[in-house]
Amino acid sequence: MVKKILFPEDAKSILSDVNPEHKFNLHMGTSILSLEELAEALEIMDDVSFKHHITKDRNDFSNWVRDIIGDVDLSNDLMKAKTRKKAFEAVSQRVEHLKMLKKDYLIKEKTSLINNEFFIGLLLGLILGFVISAIINSLI
């Protein structure tokens, strides 16, 4: 299966918390709102809780990631993960990859803002210089 190419904007969206009405209620009694929280839950949950969400007929983690988070590639990876450890590794690796993309996005966004501010300042400086020069020339 071909993996979707992710862009930094996608990473920001996928890592965000979901609307509380779409939270994932875990068998162990807690709720999660994000992939990071899913990774944390998979790391500490027991096998009984894990097997409650993954049966021969369904995979609650995969469904939630696909339908609510919107990450089809991770959802497919979770369908293949038959143990809690494998599911934890898949989610953790995805979160780290998305964090790197998001970091790149924030750096580019900040750099773009700085560049825009520089050119606006340069343009205003040139205009102001021409205005002052014209005023001085008219007084002479």
N, C-alpha and C. Protein backbone atom coordinates (compact mmCIF):
# COMPACT_ATOMS: atom_id res chain seq x y z
N MET A 1 0.83 -1.18 0.00
CA MET A 1 0.00 0.00 0.00
C MET A 1 0.88 1.25 0.00
N VAL A 2 0.52 2.21 -0.80
CA VAL A 2 1.29 3.45 -0.92
C VAL A 2 0.96 4.37 0.25
N LYS A 3 2.01 4.87 0.89
CA LYS A 3 1.83 5.79 2.01
C LYS A 3 1.60 7.20 1.48
N LYS A 4 0.74 7.93 2.17
CA LYS A 4 0.45 9.32 1.81
C LYS A 4 1.63 10.19 2.22
N ILE A 5 1.99 11.11 1.35
CA ILE A 5 3.04 12.07 1.67
C ILE A 5 2.45 13.11 2.62
N LEU A 6 3.10 13.28 3.75
CA LEU A 6 2.62 14.25 4.73
C LEU A 6 3.39 15.55 4.60
N PHE A 7 2.67 16.62 4.78
CA PHE A 7 3.25 17.95 4.79
C PHE A 7 3.21 18.47 6.23
N PRO A 8 4.04 19.47 6.54
CA PRO A 8 4.05 20.00 7.90
C PRO A 8 2.67 20.42 8.41
N GLU A 9 1.84 20.95 7.52
CA GLU A 9 0.50 21.37 7.94
C GLU A 9 -0.33 20.16 8.38
N ASP A 10 -0.11 19.01 7.70
CA ASP A 10 -0.80 17.77 8.08
C ASP A 10 -0.37 17.34 9.47
N ALA A 11 0.92 17.43 9.74
CA ALA A 11 1.45 17.02 11.03
C ALA A 11 0.82 17.83 12.16
N LYS A 12 0.72 19.13 11.94
CA LYS A 12 0.13 20.00 12.96
C LYS A 12 -1.30 19.58 13.25
N SER A 13 -2.05 19.28 12.22
CA SER A 13 -3.44 18.87 12.37
C SER A 13 -3.57 17.51 13.04
N ILE A 14 -2.77 16.54 12.60
CA ILE A 14 -2.86 15.18 13.14
C ILE A 14 -2.45 15.13 14.60
N LEU A 15 -1.51 15.97 15.00
CA LEU A 15 -1.05 15.96 16.39
C LEU A 15 -1.97 16.74 17.34
N SER A 16 -2.89 17.49 16.80
CA SER A 16 -3.79 18.29 17.64
C SER A 16 -4.76 17.41 18.41
N ASP A 17 -5.24 17.94 19.52
CA ASP A 17 -6.29 17.25 20.27
C ASP A 17 -7.57 17.24 19.45
N VAL A 18 -8.32 16.15 19.57
CA VAL A 18 -9.61 16.07 18.89
C VAL A 18 -10.67 16.78 19.73
N ASN A 19 -11.79 17.04 19.11
CA ASN A 19 -12.93 17.60 19.83
C ASN A 19 -13.30 16.63 20.95
N PRO A 20 -13.54 17.12 22.17
CA PRO A 20 -13.85 16.23 23.28
C PRO A 20 -15.00 15.24 23.01
N GLU A 21 -15.90 15.58 22.12
CA GLU A 21 -16.98 14.64 21.84
C GLU A 21 -16.49 13.43 21.03
N HIS A 22 -15.26 13.51 20.50
CA HIS A 22 -14.67 12.41 19.74
C HIS A 22 -13.54 11.71 20.50
N LYS A 23 -13.48 11.93 21.80
CA LYS A 23 -12.42 11.30 22.59
C LYS A 23 -12.55 9.78 22.52
N PHE A 24 -11.45 9.12 22.78
CA PHE A 24 -11.42 7.65 22.80
C PHE A 24 -11.50 7.21 24.25
N ASN A 25 -12.54 6.49 24.58
CA ASN A 25 -12.71 5.97 25.94
C ASN A 25 -12.07 4.59 26.03
N LEU A 26 -11.03 4.52 26.82
CA LEU A 26 -10.29 3.28 26.98
C LEU A 26 -10.96 2.35 27.98
N HIS A 27 -10.77 1.07 27.79
CA HIS A 27 -11.32 0.05 28.68
C HIS A 27 -10.83 0.23 30.11
N MET A 28 -9.63 0.76 30.26
CA MET A 28 -9.06 0.93 31.60
C MET A 28 -9.62 2.15 32.34
N GLY A 29 -10.59 2.84 31.72
CA GLY A 29 -11.31 3.89 32.42
C GLY A 29 -10.88 5.32 32.14
N THR A 30 -9.89 5.51 31.31
CA THR A 30 -9.46 6.87 30.96
C THR A 30 -9.87 7.19 29.53
N SER A 31 -9.75 8.45 29.20
CA SER A 31 -10.06 8.91 27.85
C SER A 31 -8.83 9.58 27.26
N ILE A 32 -8.72 9.52 25.93
CA ILE A 32 -7.61 10.17 25.26
C ILE A 32 -8.14 11.08 24.16
N LEU A 33 -7.37 12.14 23.90
CA LEU A 33 -7.76 13.15 22.91
C LEU A 33 -6.76 13.32 21.77
N SER A 34 -5.63 12.61 21.83
CA SER A 34 -4.59 12.83 20.81
C SER A 34 -3.75 11.58 20.60
N LEU A 35 -2.95 11.61 19.55
CA LEU A 35 -2.04 10.49 19.29
C LEU A 35 -0.99 10.36 20.40
N GLU A 36 -0.53 11.48 20.91
CA GLU A 36 0.44 11.41 22.00
C GLU A 36 -0.14 10.71 23.22
N GLU A 37 -1.40 11.02 23.52
CA GLU A 37 -2.05 10.36 24.65
C GLU A 37 -2.28 8.88 24.36
N LEU A 38 -2.55 8.54 23.10
CA LEU A 38 -2.70 7.13 22.72
C LEU A 38 -1.38 6.38 22.94
N ALA A 39 -0.28 6.99 22.54
CA ALA A 39 1.03 6.35 22.75
C ALA A 39 1.29 6.13 24.24
N GLU A 40 1.00 7.16 25.05
CA GLU A 40 1.19 7.03 26.50
C GLU A 40 0.32 5.92 27.08
N ALA A 41 -0.93 5.83 26.63
CA ALA A 41 -1.85 4.80 27.12
C ALA A 41 -1.38 3.41 26.71
N LEU A 42 -0.94 3.27 25.46
CA LEU A 42 -0.46 1.96 24.99
C LEU A 42 0.78 1.51 25.75
N GLU A 43 1.58 2.47 26.17
CA GLU A 43 2.80 2.13 26.90
C GLU A 43 2.48 1.53 28.27
N ILE A 44 1.43 2.00 28.92
CA ILE A 44 1.16 1.56 30.30
C ILE A 44 -0.01 0.58 30.44
N MET A 45 -0.84 0.43 29.40
CA MET A 45 -2.01 -0.43 29.57
C MET A 45 -1.61 -1.90 29.64
N ASP A 46 -2.45 -2.66 30.31
CA ASP A 46 -2.20 -4.10 30.39
C ASP A 46 -2.77 -4.79 29.16
N ASP A 47 -2.38 -6.05 29.00
CA ASP A 47 -2.80 -6.79 27.81
C ASP A 47 -4.30 -7.05 27.77
N VAL A 48 -4.94 -7.16 28.94
CA VAL A 48 -6.40 -7.36 28.97
C VAL A 48 -7.11 -6.16 28.37
N SER A 49 -6.69 -4.96 28.76
CA SER A 49 -7.29 -3.75 28.20
C SER A 49 -7.01 -3.64 26.71
N PHE A 50 -5.79 -3.98 26.32
CA PHE A 50 -5.44 -3.92 24.90
C PHE A 50 -6.33 -4.88 24.10
N LYS A 51 -6.46 -6.11 24.58
CA LYS A 51 -7.24 -7.11 23.86
C LYS A 51 -8.74 -6.78 23.85
N HIS A 52 -9.18 -5.96 24.78
CA HIS A 52 -10.58 -5.51 24.76
C HIS A 52 -10.85 -4.66 23.51
N HIS A 53 -9.85 -3.89 23.11
CA HIS A 53 -10.02 -2.98 21.97
C HIS A 53 -9.63 -3.61 20.63
N ILE A 54 -8.92 -4.73 20.68
CA ILE A 54 -8.52 -5.40 19.44
C ILE A 54 -8.98 -6.85 19.50
N THR A 55 -9.88 -7.18 18.62
CA THR A 55 -10.37 -8.55 18.51
C THR A 55 -10.18 -9.03 17.07
N LYS A 56 -10.62 -10.23 16.82
CA LYS A 56 -10.53 -10.76 15.46
C LYS A 56 -11.38 -9.92 14.49
N ASP A 57 -12.46 -9.36 15.00
CA ASP A 57 -13.41 -8.64 14.15
C ASP A 57 -13.24 -7.12 14.12
N ARG A 58 -12.51 -6.57 15.07
CA ARG A 58 -12.41 -5.10 15.11
C ARG A 58 -11.08 -4.65 15.73
N ASN A 59 -10.73 -3.41 15.40
CA ASN A 59 -9.55 -2.78 15.99
C ASN A 59 -9.95 -1.34 16.30
N ASP A 60 -10.33 -1.11 17.54
CA ASP A 60 -10.80 0.22 17.95
C ASP A 60 -9.75 1.30 17.75
N PHE A 61 -8.49 0.97 18.01
CA PHE A 61 -7.43 1.97 17.86
C PHE A 61 -7.30 2.40 16.40
N SER A 62 -7.25 1.42 15.52
CA SER A 62 -7.14 1.70 14.09
C SER A 62 -8.33 2.52 13.60
N ASN A 63 -9.52 2.14 14.02
CA ASN A 63 -10.73 2.86 13.60
C ASN A 63 -10.71 4.31 14.06
N TRP A 64 -10.35 4.54 15.32
CA TRP A 64 -10.32 5.90 15.87
C TRP A 64 -9.28 6.75 15.15
N VAL A 65 -8.11 6.18 14.92
CA VAL A 65 -7.04 6.92 14.24
C VAL A 65 -7.47 7.27 12.82
N ARG A 66 -8.12 6.36 12.14
CA ARG A 66 -8.57 6.62 10.76
C ARG A 66 -9.73 7.60 10.73
N ASP A 67 -10.77 7.33 11.52
CA ASP A 67 -12.02 8.10 11.43
C ASP A 67 -11.98 9.44 12.15
N ILE A 68 -11.28 9.53 13.25
CA ILE A 68 -11.27 10.76 14.06
C ILE A 68 -9.99 11.57 13.86
N ILE A 69 -8.85 10.91 13.96
CA ILE A 69 -7.58 11.61 13.79
C ILE A 69 -7.33 11.93 12.32
N GLY A 70 -7.70 11.02 11.44
CA GLY A 70 -7.53 11.24 10.01
C GLY A 70 -6.20 10.78 9.46
N ASP A 71 -5.55 9.84 10.14
CA ASP A 71 -4.25 9.33 9.70
C ASP A 71 -4.43 7.90 9.20
N VAL A 72 -4.68 7.77 7.91
CA VAL A 72 -4.96 6.46 7.31
C VAL A 72 -3.74 5.55 7.37
N ASP A 73 -2.55 6.11 7.15
CA ASP A 73 -1.34 5.28 7.18
C ASP A 73 -1.11 4.67 8.56
N LEU A 74 -1.23 5.47 9.60
CA LEU A 74 -1.07 4.93 10.95
C LEU A 74 -2.19 3.93 11.25
N SER A 75 -3.38 4.22 10.81
CA SER A 75 -4.49 3.29 10.99
C SER A 75 -4.16 1.92 10.38
N ASN A 76 -3.61 1.93 9.18
CA ASN A 76 -3.23 0.67 8.52
C ASN A 76 -2.13 -0.05 9.30
N ASP A 77 -1.17 0.71 9.83
CA ASP A 77 -0.10 0.11 10.63
C ASP A 77 -0.68 -0.52 11.90
N LEU A 78 -1.66 0.15 12.51
CA LEU A 78 -2.28 -0.39 13.72
C LEU A 78 -3.08 -1.66 13.44
N MET A 79 -3.64 -1.77 12.24
CA MET A 79 -4.36 -2.99 11.88
C MET A 79 -3.42 -4.20 11.85
N LYS A 80 -2.16 -3.95 11.52
CA LYS A 80 -1.17 -5.02 11.46
C LYS A 80 -0.56 -5.34 12.82
N ALA A 81 -0.65 -4.39 13.75
CA ALA A 81 -0.04 -4.54 15.07
C ALA A 81 -0.94 -5.41 15.95
N LYS A 82 -0.51 -6.62 16.21
CA LYS A 82 -1.32 -7.57 16.98
C LYS A 82 -0.97 -7.61 18.46
N THR A 83 0.10 -6.88 18.84
CA THR A 83 0.47 -6.82 20.25
C THR A 83 0.48 -5.36 20.70
N ARG A 84 0.36 -5.19 22.00
CA ARG A 84 0.39 -3.84 22.57
C ARG A 84 1.73 -3.17 22.27
N LYS A 85 2.80 -3.94 22.37
CA LYS A 85 4.14 -3.39 22.11
C LYS A 85 4.25 -2.90 20.67
N LYS A 86 3.76 -3.69 19.71
CA LYS A 86 3.83 -3.28 18.30
C LYS A 86 2.97 -2.04 18.05
N ALA A 87 1.80 -1.98 18.67
CA ALA A 87 0.92 -0.82 18.51
C ALA A 87 1.59 0.42 19.11
N PHE A 88 2.18 0.26 20.29
CA PHE A 88 2.88 1.37 20.94
C PHE A 88 4.02 1.88 20.05
N GLU A 89 4.81 0.96 19.49
CA GLU A 89 5.91 1.35 18.62
C GLU A 89 5.41 2.10 17.39
N ALA A 90 4.33 1.62 16.79
CA ALA A 90 3.79 2.27 15.59
C ALA A 90 3.33 3.69 15.90
N VAL A 91 2.60 3.85 16.99
CA VAL A 91 2.08 5.18 17.35
C VAL A 91 3.23 6.09 17.77
N SER A 92 4.14 5.59 18.58
CA SER A 92 5.27 6.42 19.05
C SER A 92 6.14 6.90 17.89
N GLN A 93 6.44 6.01 16.97
CA GLN A 93 7.26 6.40 15.81
C GLN A 93 6.53 7.44 14.96
N ARG A 94 5.24 7.26 14.80
CA ARG A 94 4.45 8.21 14.00
C ARG A 94 4.44 9.57 14.68
N VAL A 95 4.24 9.59 15.99
CA VAL A 95 4.22 10.86 16.73
C VAL A 95 5.55 11.57 16.59
N GLU A 96 6.65 10.85 16.73
CA GLU A 96 7.97 11.48 16.59
C GLU A 96 8.19 12.04 15.19
N HIS A 97 7.78 11.26 14.18
CA HIS A 97 7.89 11.74 12.80
C HIS A 97 7.05 13.00 12.59
N LEU A 98 5.84 13.01 13.10
CA LEU A 98 4.95 14.17 12.95
C LEU A 98 5.49 15.38 13.71
N LYS A 99 6.09 15.15 14.86
CA LYS A 99 6.68 16.26 15.63
C LYS A 99 7.82 16.91 14.85
N MET A 100 8.62 16.09 14.17
CA MET A 100 9.71 16.65 13.36
C MET A 100 9.15 17.48 12.21
N LEU A 101 8.11 16.97 11.55
CA LEU A 101 7.48 17.74 10.47
C LEU A 101 6.89 19.04 10.99
N LYS A 102 6.24 18.96 12.14
CA LYS A 102 5.62 20.15 12.75
C LYS A 102 6.69 21.17 13.13
N LYS A 103 7.80 20.69 13.66
CA LYS A 103 8.91 21.59 14.02
C LYS A 103 9.43 22.31 12.78
N ASP A 104 9.61 21.56 11.69
CA ASP A 104 10.04 22.17 10.43
C ASP A 104 9.06 23.23 9.98
N TYR A 105 7.77 22.94 10.13
CA TYR A 105 6.71 23.88 9.74
C TYR A 105 6.82 25.17 10.55
N LEU A 106 7.01 25.03 11.86
CA LEU A 106 7.08 26.21 12.73
C LEU A 106 8.33 27.03 12.42
N ILE A 107 9.44 26.35 12.12
CA ILE A 107 10.67 27.08 11.77
C ILE A 107 10.47 27.84 10.47
N LYS A 108 9.89 27.19 9.47
CA LYS A 108 9.64 27.86 8.18
C LYS A 108 8.67 29.02 8.35
N GLU A 109 7.64 28.81 9.18
CA GLU A 109 6.65 29.86 9.41
C GLU A 109 7.31 31.07 10.07
N LYS A 110 8.19 30.82 11.06
CA LYS A 110 8.88 31.90 11.76
C LYS A 110 9.85 32.61 10.82
N THR A 111 10.58 31.83 10.02
CA THR A 111 11.52 32.41 9.06
C THR A 111 10.78 33.26 8.04
N SER A 112 9.65 32.78 7.59
CA SER A 112 8.86 33.54 6.62
C SER A 112 8.39 34.85 7.23
N LEU A 113 7.96 34.80 8.48
CA LEU A 113 7.51 36.01 9.16
C LEU A 113 8.66 37.00 9.30
N ILE A 114 9.84 36.51 9.69
CA ILE A 114 11.00 37.39 9.84
C ILE A 114 11.37 38.00 8.50
N ASN A 115 11.38 37.19 7.44
CA ASN A 115 11.69 37.72 6.11
C ASN A 115 10.68 38.77 5.70
N ASN A 116 9.40 38.53 5.94
CA ASN A 116 8.36 39.50 5.59
C ASN A 116 8.57 40.80 6.37
N GLU A 117 8.85 40.70 7.65
CA GLU A 117 9.06 41.89 8.46
C GLU A 117 10.28 42.67 7.96
N PHE A 118 11.33 41.96 7.58
CA PHE A 118 12.54 42.62 7.07
C PHE A 118 12.23 43.41 5.80
N PHE A 119 11.54 42.77 4.84
CA PHE A 119 11.26 43.45 3.58
C PHE A 119 10.27 44.59 3.74
N ILE A 120 9.33 44.46 4.64
CA ILE A 120 8.41 45.57 4.91
C ILE A 120 9.18 46.73 5.53
N GLY A 121 10.07 46.43 6.47
CA GLY A 121 10.89 47.47 7.08
C GLY A 121 11.80 48.14 6.06
N LEU A 122 12.39 47.33 5.19
CA LEU A 122 13.25 47.88 4.14
C LEU A 122 12.46 48.80 3.21
N LEU A 123 11.29 48.37 2.79
CA LEU A 123 10.45 49.16 1.91
C LEU A 123 10.03 50.47 2.58
N LEU A 124 9.59 50.38 3.84
CA LEU A 124 9.20 51.59 4.56
C LEU A 124 10.39 52.54 4.73
N GLY A 125 11.56 51.97 5.00
CA GLY A 125 12.77 52.79 5.13
C GLY A 125 13.11 53.52 3.83
N LEU A 126 13.00 52.82 2.71
CA LEU A 126 13.27 53.45 1.41
C LEU A 126 12.26 54.56 1.11
N ILE A 127 10.99 54.28 1.36
CA ILE A 127 9.95 55.30 1.12
C ILE A 127 10.19 56.51 2.00
N LEU A 128 10.44 56.27 3.27
CA LEU A 128 10.70 57.36 4.20
C LEU A 128 11.95 58.15 3.77
N GLY A 129 12.98 57.44 3.31
CA GLY A 129 14.19 58.11 2.83
C GLY A 129 13.90 59.01 1.64
N PHE A 130 13.09 58.50 0.68
CA PHE A 130 12.73 59.33 -0.47
C PHE A 130 11.90 60.54 -0.06
N VAL A 131 10.99 60.36 0.88
CA VAL A 131 10.15 61.48 1.34
C VAL A 131 11.02 62.53 2.02
N ILE A 132 11.89 62.11 2.90
CA ILE A 132 12.76 63.07 3.59
C ILE A 132 13.67 63.76 2.59
N SER A 133 14.21 63.01 1.65
CA SER A 133 15.08 63.59 0.62
C SER A 133 14.31 64.63 -0.20
N ALA A 134 13.06 64.33 -0.56
CA ALA A 134 12.25 65.27 -1.35
C ALA A 134 11.95 66.53 -0.53
N ILE A 135 11.67 66.37 0.73
CA ILE A 135 11.40 67.53 1.60
C ILE A 135 12.64 68.41 1.72
N ILE A 136 13.78 67.79 1.93
CA ILE A 136 15.03 68.55 2.06
C ILE A 136 15.35 69.27 0.75
N ASN A 137 15.19 68.59 -0.37
CA ASN A 137 15.45 69.20 -1.69
C ASN A 137 14.51 70.35 -1.97
N SER A 138 13.27 70.26 -1.52
CA SER A 138 12.31 71.36 -1.75
C SER A 138 12.62 72.56 -0.89
N LEU A 139 13.28 72.37 0.24
CA LEU A 139 13.64 73.47 1.12
C LEU A 139 14.90 74.18 0.66
N ILE A 140 15.70 73.52 -0.11
CA ILE A 140 16.97 74.11 -0.56
C ILE A 140 16.75 75.03 -1.73
